[in-house]
Amino acid sequence: MHVGIVVYENINRQSGGYLYDRKVVEYLRSCGHQVTVFTQPERKYLVRSMDNLNPRFWRQLRQASLDVLLQDELNHFSLVAGNRWLRKRVEYPIVSIVHHLRSSEQHPSAWNQFYRWVERQYLRTIDAFIFNSPSTRRVVWSLVEPRDSVVARPSGRRFGEPISRERISARAHQPGPLRVLFIGNVIPRKNLHALIRGLSGLDADRWRLHAVGDLTVDERYAARIRRDVSKSNVADHVQLHGAVSDQYLHTLLEQSHVLAVPSTYEGYGIVYVEGMGHGLPALATPQGGPVDLIDDGVTGFLVEPPLDAAIADHIRTLDDDRERLATMGLSAREAYVDFPTWEDTGRTVTDFLEHLTGP
């Protein structure tokens, strides 16, 4: 089977979506399938529409001897018109990998209506879908008629086997402040500012926050976070690490008590699964994938607005009741063992593509 995949810039970029695409490609190649990666330039959103007029790119797709073409839905505005042209000229099916829709994020109403319209037009050009979660599938089916699809959940098991039950229990009962860990690119959607505000409502001696994530993706927002921290009375209790190595991240996960990433929307949320493998109850919003991952009150908390108060309440609860912290950490660990490996994810996608392309 010869598979093509369309992504922006470089499939080796660091994000959950690119990791997913990369793992799928690796698995396909390990099974002996040929995979060709086609890239488009990542530019400001409105400028991306010009990619539909790039004859060289579309000629490559037309002339490639593919059995199936995968497209990362992130590229939707770069593909929406060109796909209509392409479908009339090739026989292979076009399959979209949907991590989450841009229109599911928080934007001004007029912009979200525009994003929803563009994404609906793009989704209509697709023959079949690969979804990362049931939540993402439900959102897409609200925009277009259901068609052939599969849910292939990502793996959050890059750190291997979960840490021991004994270690989780001992860590929970250690004296000292509750160690809260945030992991994610420092962008508005991840809601680091809301997490800091929520924690600021507590006695500073009760908590410490370690924030891990790229500070260069949205430099204006990162500067805002730095200002908020420096001007507050909690500057000594918040550490902005920036991007870190896997080894150091593993250490922070082992040392923390709670993983708090209250994003406005997550298509899936690999990071919550990674936290569960380290016995960390997750704190997230019930927007998108987290509702499929987190058992509210058992393996974590799903926080509703007002976020500041909800975050403070749950952190206070876990700090006051370290036995509950240990119990939730152990429940998170048990949930982790049921999540798929990347091999499981790759096998699900490969089986689906083989079904589409036939014998």
Protein backbone atom coordinates (compact mmCIF):
# COMPACT_ATOMS: atom_id res chain seq x y z
CA MET A 1 0.00 0.00 0.00
CA HIS A 2 1.35 3.42 -0.97
CA VAL A 3 0.09 6.07 1.47
CA GLY A 4 0.49 9.81 1.12
CA ILE A 5 0.10 12.23 4.03
CA VAL A 6 -0.24 16.03 3.93
CA VAL A 7 1.04 18.09 6.87
CA TYR A 8 2.40 21.57 7.47
CA GLU A 9 6.14 22.24 7.31
CA ASN A 10 7.70 19.26 9.10
CA ILE A 11 6.14 16.10 10.48
CA ASN A 12 8.80 16.00 13.22
CA ARG A 13 7.47 19.12 14.94
CA GLN A 14 6.56 18.90 18.62
CA SER A 15 2.84 18.75 19.35
CA GLY A 16 0.31 16.05 20.10
CA GLY A 17 -1.09 16.17 16.57
CA TYR A 18 2.29 15.88 14.86
CA LEU A 19 3.31 13.12 17.24
CA TYR A 20 0.16 11.21 16.24
CA ASP A 21 0.83 11.67 12.52
CA ARG A 22 4.45 10.65 12.97
CA LYS A 23 3.60 7.50 14.91
CA VAL A 24 1.09 6.48 12.25
CA VAL A 25 3.72 6.94 9.55
CA GLU A 26 6.28 4.96 11.55
CA TYR A 27 3.87 2.07 12.05
CA LEU A 28 2.84 1.97 8.39
CA ARG A 29 6.47 1.83 7.32
CA SER A 30 7.24 -0.87 9.90
CA CYS A 31 4.55 -2.99 8.23
CA GLY A 32 6.25 -2.61 4.86
CA HIS A 33 3.95 0.07 3.44
CA GLN A 34 5.38 2.97 1.46
CA VAL A 35 4.62 6.43 2.87
CA THR A 36 5.24 9.73 1.10
CA VAL A 37 5.01 12.95 3.13
CA PHE A 38 3.74 16.04 1.30
CA THR A 39 4.27 19.36 3.07
CA GLN A 40 2.69 22.79 2.82
CA PRO A 41 4.00 26.05 4.33
CA GLU A 42 2.35 27.03 7.62
CA ARG A 43 1.34 30.67 7.40
CA LYS A 44 -1.20 33.07 8.87
CA TYR A 45 -4.65 31.55 8.61
CA LEU A 46 -6.14 33.65 5.81
CA VAL A 47 -2.99 33.38 3.69
CA ARG A 48 -3.24 29.58 3.79
CA SER A 49 -6.07 29.72 1.27
CA MET A 50 -3.47 30.63 -1.38
CA ASP A 51 -2.08 27.08 -1.14
CA ASN A 52 -5.12 25.91 -3.09
CA LEU A 53 -3.66 27.75 -6.10
CA ASN A 54 -0.21 26.11 -5.94
CA PRO A 55 -0.12 24.05 -9.18
CA ARG A 56 3.12 22.28 -8.29
CA PHE A 57 1.72 20.87 -5.06
CA TRP A 58 -1.53 19.66 -6.60
CA ARG A 59 0.28 18.19 -9.59
CA GLN A 60 2.42 16.16 -7.16
CA LEU A 61 -0.69 14.71 -5.54
CA ARG A 62 -2.29 13.95 -8.87
CA GLN A 63 0.76 12.24 -10.31
CA ALA A 64 1.71 10.23 -7.22
CA SER A 65 0.82 6.56 -7.50
CA LEU A 66 -1.06 6.47 -4.21
CA ASP A 67 -3.54 3.97 -2.85
CA VAL A 68 -4.82 6.44 -0.25
CA LEU A 69 -4.10 10.04 0.77
CA LEU A 70 -4.13 11.13 4.40
CA GLN A 71 -4.53 14.79 5.30
CA ASP A 72 -4.08 16.40 8.70
CA GLU A 73 -7.26 18.43 9.24
CA LEU A 74 -5.06 21.26 10.54
CA ASN A 75 -4.36 21.98 6.84
CA HIS A 76 -8.05 22.40 6.00
CA PHE A 77 -7.89 25.96 4.62
CA SER A 78 -4.89 25.02 2.46
CA LEU A 79 -6.83 22.10 0.95
CA VAL A 80 -10.51 23.04 0.84
CA ALA A 81 -10.68 24.15 -2.81
CA GLY A 82 -7.83 22.03 -4.16
CA ASN A 83 -9.48 18.87 -2.88
CA ARG A 84 -12.49 19.50 -5.11
CA TRP A 85 -10.18 19.69 -8.10
CA LEU A 86 -8.18 16.64 -7.00
CA ARG A 87 -11.14 14.34 -6.36
CA LYS A 88 -12.19 14.65 -10.00
CA ARG A 89 -8.77 13.51 -11.18
CA VAL A 90 -7.69 10.66 -8.89
CA GLU A 91 -9.20 7.35 -7.88
CA TYR A 92 -7.65 6.98 -4.44
CA PRO A 93 -9.72 7.94 -1.35
CA ILE A 94 -8.90 11.07 0.65
CA VAL A 95 -8.88 10.50 4.41
CA SER A 96 -8.69 13.27 7.00
CA ILE A 97 -6.98 12.78 10.37
CA VAL A 98 -8.96 15.00 12.71
CA HIS A 99 -7.33 15.95 16.02
CA HIS A 100 -9.73 18.79 16.74
CA LEU A 101 -11.48 21.48 14.76
CA ARG A 102 -10.31 25.08 14.79
CA SER A 103 -13.95 26.11 15.20
CA SER A 104 -14.06 24.18 18.49
CA GLU A 105 -11.58 26.61 20.03
CA GLN A 106 -12.55 29.89 21.66
CA HIS A 107 -12.57 32.72 19.14
CA PRO A 108 -14.76 35.80 18.66
CA SER A 109 -18.18 34.70 17.44
CA ALA A 110 -17.85 36.09 13.92
CA TRP A 111 -14.51 34.36 13.41
CA ASN A 112 -15.82 31.07 14.74
CA GLN A 113 -18.73 31.20 12.30
CA PHE A 114 -16.22 31.73 9.51
CA TYR A 115 -13.97 28.89 10.71
CA ARG A 116 -16.97 26.58 11.00
CA TRP A 117 -18.06 27.40 7.45
CA VAL A 118 -14.56 26.78 6.02
CA GLU A 119 -14.15 23.53 7.93
CA ARG A 120 -17.57 22.29 6.84
CA GLN A 121 -16.62 22.91 3.19
CA TYR A 122 -13.36 21.04 3.70
CA LEU A 123 -14.96 18.11 5.53
CA ARG A 124 -17.40 17.67 2.65
CA THR A 125 -14.46 16.91 0.33
CA ILE A 126 -13.33 13.97 2.46
CA ASP A 127 -14.13 10.31 1.77
CA ALA A 128 -13.35 8.89 5.21
CA PHE A 129 -12.09 10.01 8.62
CA ILE A 130 -9.65 8.98 11.32
CA PHE A 131 -10.62 10.49 14.69
CA ASN A 132 -8.54 10.68 17.83
CA SER A 133 -11.56 10.50 20.16
CA PRO A 134 -15.33 9.94 20.21
CA SER A 135 -15.71 13.63 21.16
CA THR A 136 -13.93 14.75 17.99
CA ARG A 137 -16.14 12.45 15.93
CA ARG A 138 -19.29 13.90 17.49
CA VAL A 139 -18.19 17.43 16.63
CA VAL A 140 -17.45 16.52 13.00
CA TRP A 141 -20.77 14.70 12.60
CA SER A 142 -22.49 17.90 13.76
CA LEU A 143 -21.11 19.60 10.63
CA VAL A 144 -21.34 16.88 7.94
CA GLU A 145 -23.15 13.64 7.29
CA PRO A 146 -21.46 10.61 8.87
CA ARG A 147 -19.37 8.44 6.59
CA ASP A 148 -16.72 5.73 6.83
CA SER A 149 -14.53 6.39 9.86
CA VAL A 150 -12.55 4.94 12.72
CA VAL A 151 -11.61 6.20 16.19
CA ALA A 152 -7.92 5.44 16.78
CA ARG A 153 -7.03 6.88 20.15
CA PRO A 154 -3.50 8.19 20.63
CA SER A 155 -1.21 6.59 23.16
CA GLY A 156 -0.03 8.44 26.22
CA ARG A 157 2.42 5.68 27.08
CA ARG A 158 5.72 7.16 25.85
CA PHE A 159 7.16 6.75 29.36
CA GLY A 160 6.35 3.05 29.47
CA GLU A 161 4.99 1.23 32.49
CA PRO A 162 3.24 3.19 35.25
CA ILE A 163 5.08 4.03 38.44
CA SER A 164 4.43 1.78 41.42
CA ARG A 165 1.40 2.00 43.69
CA GLU A 166 3.70 2.29 46.70
CA ARG A 167 5.44 5.31 45.20
CA ILE A 168 2.15 7.05 44.44
CA SER A 169 0.89 6.55 47.99
CA ALA A 170 4.15 7.62 49.62
CA ARG A 171 4.39 10.75 47.48
CA ALA A 172 0.85 11.81 48.33
CA HIS A 173 1.56 11.68 52.05
CA GLN A 174 4.85 13.56 51.94
CA PRO A 175 4.65 16.79 53.97
CA GLY A 176 4.96 20.10 52.17
CA PRO A 177 3.10 22.05 49.50
CA LEU A 178 1.07 20.36 46.77
CA ARG A 179 3.18 20.20 43.62
CA VAL A 180 1.08 21.13 40.58
CA LEU A 181 2.36 20.44 37.05
CA PHE A 182 1.23 22.16 33.83
CA ILE A 183 2.32 20.71 30.48
CA GLY A 184 1.49 22.33 27.16
CA ASN A 185 2.57 24.97 24.68
CA VAL A 186 2.16 28.36 26.36
CA ILE A 187 -0.77 29.58 24.26
CA PRO A 188 -4.13 31.06 25.31
CA ARG A 189 -6.07 27.85 24.62
CA LYS A 190 -4.12 25.99 27.30
CA ASN A 191 -5.36 28.48 29.93
CA LEU A 192 -2.18 28.76 31.98
CA HIS A 193 -3.29 32.25 33.04
CA ALA A 194 -6.50 30.82 34.54
CA LEU A 195 -4.51 28.16 36.39
CA ILE A 196 -2.20 30.78 37.89
CA ARG A 197 -5.12 32.97 38.91
CA GLY A 198 -6.85 30.02 40.54
CA LEU A 199 -3.75 29.03 42.49
CA SER A 200 -3.17 32.66 43.49
CA GLY A 201 -6.43 32.51 45.44
CA LEU A 202 -4.87 30.00 47.83
CA ASP A 203 -2.32 30.44 50.58
CA ALA A 204 0.95 30.39 48.65
CA ASP A 205 2.50 28.00 51.16
CA ARG A 206 0.04 25.30 50.04
CA TRP A 207 1.25 24.84 46.47
CA ARG A 208 4.05 25.08 43.92
CA LEU A 209 3.49 25.27 40.16
CA HIS A 210 5.89 23.93 37.54
CA ALA A 211 4.86 24.94 34.02
CA VAL A 212 6.44 23.05 31.12
CA GLY A 213 5.91 24.11 27.53
CA ASP A 214 7.27 26.07 24.59
CA LEU A 215 7.33 29.80 25.37
CA THR A 216 7.99 30.82 21.76
CA VAL A 217 4.78 29.64 20.04
CA ASP A 218 2.86 32.76 21.10
CA GLU A 219 5.44 35.18 22.45
CA ARG A 220 2.89 37.88 23.28
CA TYR A 221 0.91 35.50 25.47
CA ALA A 222 4.11 34.15 27.07
CA ALA A 223 5.13 37.72 27.91
CA ARG A 224 1.72 38.24 29.50
CA ILE A 225 2.23 35.15 31.67
CA ARG A 226 5.65 36.40 32.77
CA ARG A 227 4.18 39.80 33.66
CA ASP A 228 1.31 38.23 35.58
CA VAL A 229 3.71 36.12 37.61
CA SER A 230 6.23 38.88 38.28
CA LYS A 231 3.56 41.37 39.40
CA SER A 232 1.80 38.93 41.70
CA ASN A 233 2.68 37.76 45.17
CA VAL A 234 3.33 34.21 43.93
CA ALA A 235 6.41 34.75 41.79
CA ASP A 236 8.50 32.55 44.08
CA HIS A 237 5.97 29.72 43.75
CA VAL A 238 5.72 29.52 39.93
CA GLN A 239 8.50 28.16 37.74
CA LEU A 240 8.26 28.52 33.96
CA HIS A 241 10.56 25.84 32.57
CA GLY A 242 9.90 26.31 28.86
CA ALA A 243 10.45 23.26 26.66
CA VAL A 244 12.34 20.45 28.40
CA SER A 245 13.77 17.06 27.54
CA ASP A 246 11.69 13.91 27.94
CA GLN A 247 14.00 12.80 30.71
CA TYR A 248 13.46 15.97 32.74
CA LEU A 249 9.73 15.91 32.05
CA HIS A 250 9.65 12.34 33.34
CA THR A 251 11.34 13.55 36.53
CA LEU A 252 8.81 16.36 36.99
CA LEU A 253 5.94 13.93 36.46
CA GLU A 254 7.37 11.60 39.09
CA GLN A 255 7.77 14.42 41.60
CA SER A 256 4.39 16.13 41.13
CA HIS A 257 1.04 15.50 42.81
CA VAL A 258 -1.47 16.87 40.27
CA LEU A 259 -1.47 17.53 36.53
CA ALA A 260 -3.45 20.71 35.80
CA VAL A 261 -4.07 21.71 32.17
CA PRO A 262 -7.46 23.52 32.10
CA SER A 263 -7.53 24.06 28.31
CA THR A 264 -10.53 25.71 26.72
CA TYR A 265 -10.61 22.74 24.34
CA GLU A 266 -8.65 19.53 23.73
CA GLY A 267 -9.37 17.14 20.88
CA TYR A 268 -7.94 14.33 22.99
CA GLY A 269 -5.35 15.23 25.62
CA ILE A 270 -2.36 12.86 25.51
CA VAL A 271 -0.81 14.77 28.39
CA TYR A 272 -3.57 13.70 30.80
CA VAL A 273 -2.84 10.06 30.01
CA GLU A 274 0.89 10.61 30.55
CA GLY A 275 0.06 12.11 33.93
CA MET A 276 -2.13 9.14 34.86
CA GLY A 277 0.81 6.82 34.20
CA HIS A 278 2.61 8.71 36.96
CA GLY A 279 -0.36 8.52 39.31
CA LEU A 280 -1.37 12.16 38.83
CA PRO A 281 -5.05 13.08 39.08
CA ALA A 282 -5.87 15.36 36.14
CA LEU A 283 -7.49 18.76 36.33
CA ALA A 284 -9.14 19.70 33.01
CA THR A 285 -12.22 21.33 31.53
CA PRO A 286 -15.02 19.16 30.08
CA GLN A 287 -14.45 20.53 26.59
CA GLY A 288 -13.65 17.84 24.05
CA GLY A 289 -11.44 14.83 24.68
CA PRO A 290 -11.04 15.10 28.49
CA VAL A 291 -14.62 13.86 29.00
CA ASP A 292 -13.57 10.59 27.32
CA LEU A 293 -10.45 10.28 29.48
CA ILE A 294 -11.20 11.55 32.98
CA ASP A 295 -13.67 10.03 35.42
CA ASP A 296 -14.72 13.16 37.30
CA GLY A 297 -13.97 12.87 41.00
CA VAL A 298 -12.23 9.50 40.52
CA THR A 299 -9.19 9.97 38.25
CA GLY A 300 -9.33 13.76 38.23
CA PHE A 301 -11.63 16.76 38.15
CA LEU A 302 -13.50 18.38 35.26
CA VAL A 303 -13.70 22.06 36.16
CA GLU A 304 -16.46 24.40 35.01
CA PRO A 305 -16.45 28.23 35.04
CA PRO A 306 -15.69 30.23 37.04
CA LEU A 307 -12.37 28.44 36.57
CA ASP A 308 -10.45 30.43 39.18
CA ALA A 309 -12.74 29.33 42.00
CA ALA A 310 -13.07 25.74 40.73
CA ILE A 311 -9.30 25.30 40.42
CA ALA A 312 -8.73 26.71 43.90
CA ASP A 313 -11.43 24.48 45.41
CA HIS A 314 -10.05 21.26 43.94
CA ILE A 315 -6.42 22.01 44.77
CA ARG A 316 -7.47 22.88 48.32
CA THR A 317 -9.42 19.61 48.55
CA LEU A 318 -6.44 17.50 47.52
CA ASP A 319 -4.04 19.36 49.78
CA ASP A 320 -6.37 19.00 52.77
CA ASP A 321 -7.08 15.32 52.15
CA ARG A 322 -3.87 13.56 51.19
CA GLU A 323 -5.55 10.17 51.51
CA ARG A 324 -7.98 11.17 48.77
CA LEU A 325 -5.03 12.42 46.71
CA ALA A 326 -3.44 8.98 47.05
CA THR A 327 -6.70 7.18 46.18
CA MET A 328 -7.25 9.32 43.07
CA GLY A 329 -3.63 8.83 42.04
CA LEU A 330 -4.02 5.07 42.28
CA SER A 331 -7.27 5.22 40.28
CA ALA A 332 -5.50 7.28 37.62
CA ARG A 333 -2.79 4.63 37.45
CA GLU A 334 -5.35 1.86 36.98
CA ALA A 335 -7.03 3.81 34.17
CA TYR A 336 -3.68 4.27 32.46
CA VAL A 337 -3.08 0.57 31.91
CA ASP A 338 -6.21 0.37 29.73
CA PHE A 339 -5.09 3.08 27.31
CA PRO A 340 -3.67 1.97 23.92
CA THR A 341 -0.02 1.76 22.98
CA TRP A 342 1.21 3.51 19.84
CA GLU A 343 1.34 0.07 18.24
CA ASP A 344 -2.38 -0.33 18.99
CA THR A 345 -3.05 3.08 17.43
CA GLY A 346 -1.01 2.31 14.34
CA ARG A 347 -2.64 -1.09 13.90
CA THR A 348 -6.13 0.44 14.10
CA VAL A 349 -5.28 3.05 11.46
CA THR A 350 -3.54 0.54 9.19
CA ASP A 351 -6.43 -1.93 9.36
CA PHE A 352 -8.84 0.88 8.47
CA LEU A 353 -6.76 2.02 5.48
CA GLU A 354 -6.46 -1.56 4.22
CA HIS A 355 -10.24 -1.85 4.50
CA LEU A 356 -10.64 1.31 2.41
CA THR A 357 -8.20 0.31 -0.29
CA GLY A 358 -9.38 -3.28 -0.59
CA PRO A 359 -7.36 -6.46 -1.14
